[in-house]
Amino acid sequence: MYPEARLVCNQQPPLAGMVKELAISTRGLTKQFERHVAVNDVDLDIQQGEVYGLIGPNGAGKTTLIRMLAAAEEPTTGEIYINGDRLRRDKSNPTLKRRLGYLPDDYPLYEELTVWDYLDYFARLYRLREPRRTQRLHEVLELIQLGNKRHSLISTLSRGMKQRLSLARTIIHEPILLLLDEPVSGLDPIARMQFREIIKALQEAGMTILISSHVLSDLAELCTSVGIMELGFLVESASLKQLYQRLARQQILVSTLGNLETLVCELRNQPLVEELQVISGKNSVRLNFSGKEEDSAELLRSLIHSGIPVTDFHCTQEDLETIFLKLGHKQAS
């Protein structure tokens, strides 16, 4: 569906034996507005090639953090390093800033322009020269699937198309680090799916992506790691795999053709079974289970051995939203 990764981001692979640098590293990063501390002493490390999801309630400091990483906001204290180079907001490192792509949540579009003229305008601002400029415009239009709309006025595009066009503008200069602040806000499910596919293509190209969103199901599908912010603090930062292993409980749905009370009684005798919830009208029980995969297999064997006619035994894991709410409750208590 999407063009090959080589069309998106021309990056050289790291030399063999070299230590892999962090795409983003912050130390003691703090931003204070008068008496309000928006970002408080944040140490953040993101590996190259990751899709890192930043989540948290409104006012947690996500946008301020992203703006500092994009050199759009000056930190009060602390340091930012991009691929090992110190990022400053002054004019001392223009080359480093050209390697960043930043899409804020409220970036305006010039609706009187055509799609092609809009992208061409930004390509010229980034001093892309011919024939590379025209080649790059075709590449990003293919990536965002708006090639057939290149002569259309932006005012005629749907919301999802406009957001994909904004993303195209953000990557026109082939950045190595992409910073996206609530990019799917207000989009319908199909538009969000299209946006996710583009992000996956960019990651396959080797681009590092930091994305904030309130749509946690999208982040769970996209991200390799997540950070959770609360009141300006980075209260959690880990790979999704580590987060699920440490904080997500396994849940099992068991259905039976037999007597529901018999099933409940048998489950209560199992040491690894925790909370039970009877699902009325479906002859089913949902339970939290503290065991591993082999333990759940043993639980199923035990139920069958006890003569319970099991018709469904479905294992799931708590999702990212549940983990986020659980962590938020811990912080509040």
Protein backbone atom coordinates (compact mmCIF):
# COMPACT_ATOMS: atom_id res chain seq x y z
CA MET A 1 0.00 0.00 0.00
CA TYR A 2 2.82 2.36 0.89
CA PRO A 3 6.11 3.02 -0.93
CA GLU A 4 9.28 1.31 0.10
CA ALA A 5 11.13 2.70 3.07
CA ARG A 6 14.04 3.89 0.93
CA LEU A 7 11.77 6.55 -0.58
CA VAL A 8 11.00 8.09 2.78
CA CYS A 9 14.17 8.68 4.72
CA ASN A 10 17.72 8.44 3.42
CA GLN A 11 19.65 7.32 6.48
CA GLN A 12 22.95 5.51 6.64
CA PRO A 13 23.03 2.36 8.80
CA PRO A 14 25.24 2.57 11.88
CA LEU A 15 28.77 1.23 11.39
CA ALA A 16 29.35 -2.25 12.76
CA GLY A 17 30.69 -2.23 16.27
CA MET A 18 29.65 1.37 16.98
CA VAL A 19 27.59 2.07 20.07
CA LYS A 20 24.06 2.95 19.07
CA GLU A 21 23.40 6.57 20.02
CA LEU A 22 20.19 7.69 21.61
CA ALA A 23 17.88 9.58 19.27
CA ILE A 24 16.70 11.70 22.21
CA SER A 25 18.31 12.15 25.60
CA THR A 26 17.27 14.77 28.15
CA ARG A 27 18.80 15.47 31.54
CA GLY A 28 17.00 17.43 34.25
CA LEU A 29 14.72 19.02 31.66
CA THR A 30 12.48 21.56 33.36
CA LYS A 31 10.14 24.30 32.13
CA GLN A 32 8.57 26.78 34.50
CA PHE A 33 5.99 29.42 33.57
CA GLU A 34 5.95 31.95 36.44
CA ARG A 35 4.79 29.79 39.38
CA HIS A 36 3.68 26.82 37.29
CA VAL A 37 6.16 24.01 36.56
CA ALA A 38 4.95 22.42 33.30
CA VAL A 39 7.82 19.94 32.93
CA ASN A 40 9.68 18.87 36.04
CA ASP A 41 13.20 17.38 35.99
CA VAL A 42 12.60 14.96 33.11
CA ASP A 43 15.27 12.40 32.13
CA LEU A 44 14.11 10.83 28.89
CA ASP A 45 16.01 8.35 26.70
CA ILE A 46 14.68 7.20 23.32
CA GLN A 47 16.59 4.80 21.10
CA GLN A 48 17.04 5.41 17.39
CA GLY A 49 14.29 3.88 15.27
CA GLU A 50 11.73 3.74 18.05
CA VAL A 51 8.13 4.88 17.97
CA TYR A 52 7.75 6.35 21.43
CA GLY A 53 4.28 7.16 22.72
CA LEU A 54 3.78 9.98 25.20
CA ILE A 55 0.57 9.76 27.20
CA GLY A 56 -0.97 11.59 30.10
CA PRO A 57 -3.99 13.74 31.01
CA ASN A 58 -4.46 17.30 29.80
CA GLY A 59 -2.02 19.60 31.58
CA ALA A 60 0.50 16.82 32.23
CA GLY A 61 3.24 18.63 30.29
CA LYS A 62 3.31 16.58 27.07
CA THR A 63 3.01 19.52 24.65
CA THR A 64 5.58 21.60 26.54
CA LEU A 65 8.03 18.70 26.49
CA ILE A 66 7.55 18.18 22.76
CA ARG A 67 7.96 21.91 22.07
CA MET A 68 11.28 21.91 23.93
CA LEU A 69 12.45 18.87 21.95
CA ALA A 70 11.49 20.73 18.76
CA ALA A 71 13.48 23.83 19.84
CA ALA A 72 10.23 25.81 19.85
CA GLU A 73 10.43 26.38 23.60
CA GLU A 74 13.47 27.24 25.72
CA PRO A 75 13.99 25.02 28.78
CA THR A 76 14.25 26.75 32.13
CA THR A 77 16.94 24.27 33.11
CA GLY A 78 18.27 21.01 31.73
CA GLU A 79 19.79 19.74 28.52
CA ILE A 80 18.53 18.07 25.33
CA TYR A 81 20.65 15.87 23.07
CA ILE A 82 19.56 14.71 19.60
CA ASN A 83 21.67 11.81 18.31
CA GLY A 84 24.36 12.84 20.77
CA ASP A 85 24.44 16.53 19.78
CA ARG A 86 23.35 19.25 22.21
CA LEU A 87 20.20 21.04 21.05
CA ARG A 88 20.04 24.79 21.60
CA ARG A 89 17.32 27.24 20.65
CA ASP A 90 19.76 29.87 19.40
CA LYS A 91 21.38 29.84 15.95
CA SER A 92 24.40 27.79 17.00
CA ASN A 93 23.16 24.47 15.54
CA PRO A 94 20.96 25.08 12.46
CA THR A 95 21.97 21.76 10.87
CA LEU A 96 20.66 19.81 13.84
CA LYS A 97 17.31 21.62 13.74
CA ARG A 98 16.93 20.78 10.05
CA ARG A 99 16.97 17.13 11.07
CA LEU A 100 13.81 17.60 13.16
CA GLY A 101 10.22 17.38 11.97
CA TYR A 102 7.58 18.89 14.27
CA LEU A 103 3.82 18.70 13.83
CA PRO A 104 1.93 20.63 16.54
CA ASP A 105 -1.70 19.89 17.23
CA ASP A 106 -2.96 23.20 15.82
CA TYR A 107 -0.78 23.88 12.80
CA PRO A 108 -2.69 26.03 10.24
CA LEU A 109 -2.97 25.15 6.55
CA TYR A 110 -2.99 27.66 3.70
CA GLU A 111 -6.33 26.62 2.30
CA GLU A 112 -6.17 28.88 -0.77
CA LEU A 113 -3.17 26.91 -2.08
CA THR A 114 -3.20 23.63 -3.97
CA VAL A 115 -1.70 20.55 -2.35
CA TRP A 116 1.30 20.69 -4.70
CA ASP A 117 1.97 24.41 -4.18
CA TYR A 118 1.72 24.03 -0.42
CA LEU A 119 4.34 21.28 -0.29
CA ASP A 120 6.50 23.01 -2.87
CA TYR A 121 6.48 26.16 -0.72
CA PHE A 122 7.84 24.28 2.29
CA ALA A 123 10.33 22.34 0.18
CA ARG A 124 11.73 25.68 -1.01
CA LEU A 125 11.88 26.96 2.58
CA TYR A 126 14.04 23.96 3.38
CA ARG A 127 16.14 24.82 0.30
CA LEU A 128 15.51 21.60 -1.56
CA ARG A 129 16.84 22.09 -5.09
CA GLU A 130 15.77 20.59 -8.37
CA PRO A 131 15.55 17.86 -9.43
CA ARG A 132 15.43 16.57 -5.85
CA ARG A 133 12.61 18.93 -4.86
CA THR A 134 10.14 17.62 -7.44
CA GLN A 135 11.21 14.04 -6.73
CA ARG A 136 10.61 14.54 -3.02
CA LEU A 137 7.16 16.04 -3.60
CA HIS A 138 6.14 13.00 -5.59
CA GLU A 139 7.52 10.70 -2.88
CA VAL A 140 5.59 12.25 -0.01
CA LEU A 141 2.39 12.54 -2.06
CA GLU A 142 2.64 8.83 -2.81
CA LEU A 143 3.28 8.08 0.85
CA ILE A 144 0.24 10.02 2.07
CA GLN A 145 -1.90 8.81 -0.86
CA LEU A 146 -2.77 12.27 -2.13
CA GLY A 147 -1.12 12.09 -5.53
CA ASN A 148 -4.50 12.35 -7.23
CA LYS A 149 -5.24 15.49 -5.18
CA ARG A 150 -2.05 17.41 -5.97
CA HIS A 151 -3.89 20.05 -8.02
CA SER A 152 -6.82 20.34 -5.57
CA LEU A 153 -7.28 23.30 -3.27
CA ILE A 154 -6.57 22.45 0.34
CA SER A 155 -9.96 23.89 1.29
CA THR A 156 -11.64 21.00 -0.59
CA LEU A 157 -9.87 18.25 1.37
CA SER A 158 -11.37 16.21 4.17
CA ARG A 159 -10.03 16.54 7.71
CA GLY A 160 -8.10 13.30 7.40
CA MET A 161 -6.53 14.40 4.11
CA LYS A 162 -5.54 17.73 5.63
CA GLN A 163 -3.84 15.97 8.54
CA ARG A 164 -1.93 13.68 6.16
CA LEU A 165 -0.90 16.75 4.17
CA SER A 166 0.36 18.38 7.38
CA LEU A 167 2.43 15.28 8.02
CA ALA A 168 3.80 15.45 4.47
CA ARG A 169 4.88 19.04 5.10
CA THR A 170 6.59 17.89 8.30
CA ILE A 171 8.68 15.21 6.56
CA ILE A 172 9.35 16.99 3.25
CA HIS A 173 12.98 17.70 4.27
CA GLU A 174 13.61 14.08 5.36
CA PRO A 175 14.11 14.57 9.11
CA ILE A 176 15.62 11.84 11.24
CA LEU A 177 13.39 12.65 14.22
CA LEU A 178 9.66 13.24 13.97
CA LEU A 179 7.72 14.93 16.82
CA LEU A 180 3.93 14.60 16.57
CA ASP A 181 1.60 16.28 19.07
CA GLU A 182 -1.92 14.77 19.00
CA PRO A 183 -1.83 14.09 15.23
CA VAL A 184 -5.02 11.97 15.14
CA SER A 185 -7.16 14.26 17.29
CA GLY A 186 -10.65 14.51 15.81
CA LEU A 187 -10.06 11.97 13.04
CA ASP A 188 -12.53 9.19 12.29
CA PRO A 189 -11.44 5.52 12.60
CA ILE A 190 -10.60 5.16 8.88
CA ALA A 191 -8.50 8.34 8.86
CA ARG A 192 -6.70 7.17 12.01
CA MET A 193 -5.96 3.83 10.39
CA GLN A 194 -4.51 5.58 7.31
CA PHE A 195 -2.37 7.78 9.54
CA ARG A 196 -1.12 4.74 11.48
CA GLU A 197 -0.04 3.03 8.28
CA ILE A 198 1.99 6.08 7.27
CA ILE A 199 3.70 6.17 10.67
CA LYS A 200 4.58 2.49 10.33
CA ALA A 201 6.12 3.16 6.91
CA LEU A 202 8.19 6.00 8.35
CA GLN A 203 9.44 3.77 11.16
CA GLU A 204 10.40 1.09 8.65
CA ALA A 205 12.43 3.81 6.91
CA GLY A 206 14.50 4.19 10.08
CA MET A 207 12.92 7.38 11.36
CA THR A 208 12.59 7.90 15.12
CA ILE A 209 9.10 9.08 16.07
CA LEU A 210 7.75 10.57 19.28
CA ILE A 211 3.96 10.81 19.27
CA SER A 212 1.52 12.04 21.90
CA SER A 213 -2.11 10.97 21.74
CA HIS A 214 -5.19 10.39 23.83
CA VAL A 215 -6.15 7.47 21.55
CA LEU A 216 -4.28 4.82 23.51
CA SER A 217 -5.39 1.95 21.27
CA ASP A 218 -3.50 3.61 18.41
CA LEU A 219 -0.38 4.00 20.52
CA ALA A 220 -0.55 0.38 21.67
CA GLU A 221 -0.54 -0.71 18.03
CA LEU A 222 2.17 1.70 16.90
CA CYS A 223 4.65 2.16 19.71
CA THR A 224 7.70 0.23 20.81
CA SER A 225 7.93 2.21 24.08
CA VAL A 226 5.77 4.64 26.03
CA GLY A 227 6.24 7.38 28.58
CA ILE A 228 3.53 8.43 31.02
CA MET A 229 3.45 12.02 32.27
CA GLU A 230 1.63 13.30 35.32
CA LEU A 231 1.79 16.87 36.67
CA GLY A 232 4.98 17.58 34.73
CA PHE A 233 6.81 14.44 35.86
CA LEU A 234 7.71 11.48 33.68
CA VAL A 235 6.34 8.84 36.02
CA GLU A 236 6.93 5.86 33.74
CA SER A 237 9.12 5.16 30.71
CA ALA A 238 9.54 1.63 29.40
CA SER A 239 9.10 -0.60 26.40
CA LEU A 240 5.54 -1.77 25.86
CA LYS A 241 6.67 -5.35 26.42
CA GLN A 242 8.18 -4.48 29.81
CA LEU A 243 5.13 -2.44 30.76
CA TYR A 244 2.73 -5.27 29.97
CA GLN A 245 4.88 -7.84 31.77
CA ARG A 246 5.11 -5.71 34.89
CA LEU A 247 1.70 -4.06 35.15
CA ALA A 248 -0.85 -5.86 32.96
CA ARG A 249 -2.85 -8.62 34.54
CA GLN A 250 -3.98 -11.59 32.51
CA GLN A 251 -7.73 -11.95 32.18
CA ILE A 252 -9.58 -15.12 31.23
CA LEU A 253 -13.16 -15.54 30.06
CA VAL A 254 -14.59 -18.98 30.81
CA SER A 255 -18.00 -20.15 29.53
CA THR A 256 -19.79 -23.38 30.34
CA LEU A 257 -22.82 -25.38 29.29
CA GLY A 258 -23.19 -26.65 32.84
CA ASN A 259 -24.08 -25.09 36.14
CA LEU A 260 -22.52 -21.65 36.58
CA GLU A 261 -22.23 -22.01 40.37
CA THR A 262 -20.21 -25.21 39.93
CA LEU A 263 -17.81 -23.35 37.64
CA VAL A 264 -17.48 -20.46 40.11
CA CYS A 265 -16.86 -22.84 43.02
CA GLU A 266 -14.14 -24.68 41.09
CA LEU A 267 -12.47 -21.43 40.07
CA ARG A 268 -12.42 -20.15 43.66
CA ASN A 269 -10.39 -23.22 44.60
CA GLN A 270 -7.64 -22.30 42.13
CA PRO A 271 -4.78 -20.42 43.89
CA LEU A 272 -3.84 -18.28 40.86
CA VAL A 273 -7.39 -17.06 40.26
CA GLU A 274 -7.98 -13.61 41.74
CA GLU A 275 -11.09 -11.48 41.13
CA LEU A 276 -14.16 -13.14 39.63
CA GLN A 277 -16.94 -11.44 37.70
CA VAL A 278 -20.03 -13.41 36.70
CA ILE A 279 -21.42 -12.30 33.33
CA SER A 280 -25.16 -12.63 33.68
CA GLY A 281 -27.10 -14.13 30.80
CA LYS A 282 -24.04 -15.67 29.17
CA ASN A 283 -23.17 -18.46 31.63
CA SER A 284 -19.64 -17.03 31.72
CA VAL A 285 -17.10 -15.83 34.25
CA ARG A 286 -14.37 -13.26 33.72
CA LEU A 287 -11.42 -13.57 36.07
CA ASN A 288 -8.04 -12.01 36.77
CA PHE A 289 -5.30 -14.60 36.66
CA SER A 290 -1.81 -14.18 38.14
CA GLY A 291 -0.22 -17.15 36.41
CA LYS A 292 1.75 -17.55 33.20
CA GLU A 293 0.68 -19.18 29.93
CA GLU A 294 1.50 -22.67 31.16
CA ASP A 295 -0.55 -21.99 34.30
CA SER A 296 -3.60 -20.97 32.28
CA ALA A 297 -3.24 -24.16 30.25
CA GLU A 298 -3.15 -26.13 33.50
CA LEU A 299 -6.27 -24.28 34.70
CA LEU A 300 -8.16 -25.32 31.58
CA ARG A 301 -7.01 -28.93 32.00
CA SER A 302 -8.14 -28.88 35.64
CA LEU A 303 -11.62 -27.58 34.75
CA ILE A 304 -12.10 -30.25 32.11
CA HIS A 305 -10.77 -32.94 34.46
CA SER A 306 -13.38 -31.82 37.01
CA GLY A 307 -16.13 -32.57 34.49
CA ILE A 308 -17.06 -28.95 33.72
CA PRO A 309 -18.30 -28.62 30.09
CA VAL A 310 -16.18 -25.65 29.02
CA THR A 311 -17.37 -24.02 25.76
CA ASP A 312 -15.02 -21.03 25.77
CA PHE A 313 -11.69 -20.31 27.42
CA HIS A 314 -10.31 -17.01 26.16
CA CYS A 315 -7.13 -15.37 27.53
CA THR A 316 -6.55 -11.65 27.15
CA GLN A 317 -4.29 -9.03 28.73
CA GLU A 318 -5.16 -5.68 30.22
CA ASP A 319 -4.72 -3.01 27.58
CA LEU A 320 -2.66 0.19 27.64
CA GLU A 321 -5.64 2.27 28.72
CA THR A 322 -6.20 0.07 31.78
CA ILE A 323 -2.50 0.30 32.71
CA PHE A 324 -2.59 4.08 32.32
CA LEU A 325 -5.65 4.42 34.54
CA LYS A 326 -4.09 2.08 37.09
CA LEU A 327 -0.88 4.13 37.22
CA GLY A 328 -2.87 7.36 37.45
CA HIS A 329 -4.79 5.97 40.42
CA LYS A 330 -1.52 5.04 42.15
CA GLN A 331 -0.17 8.55 41.65
CA ALA A 332 -3.35 10.08 43.06
CA SER A 333 -3.42 7.85 46.14
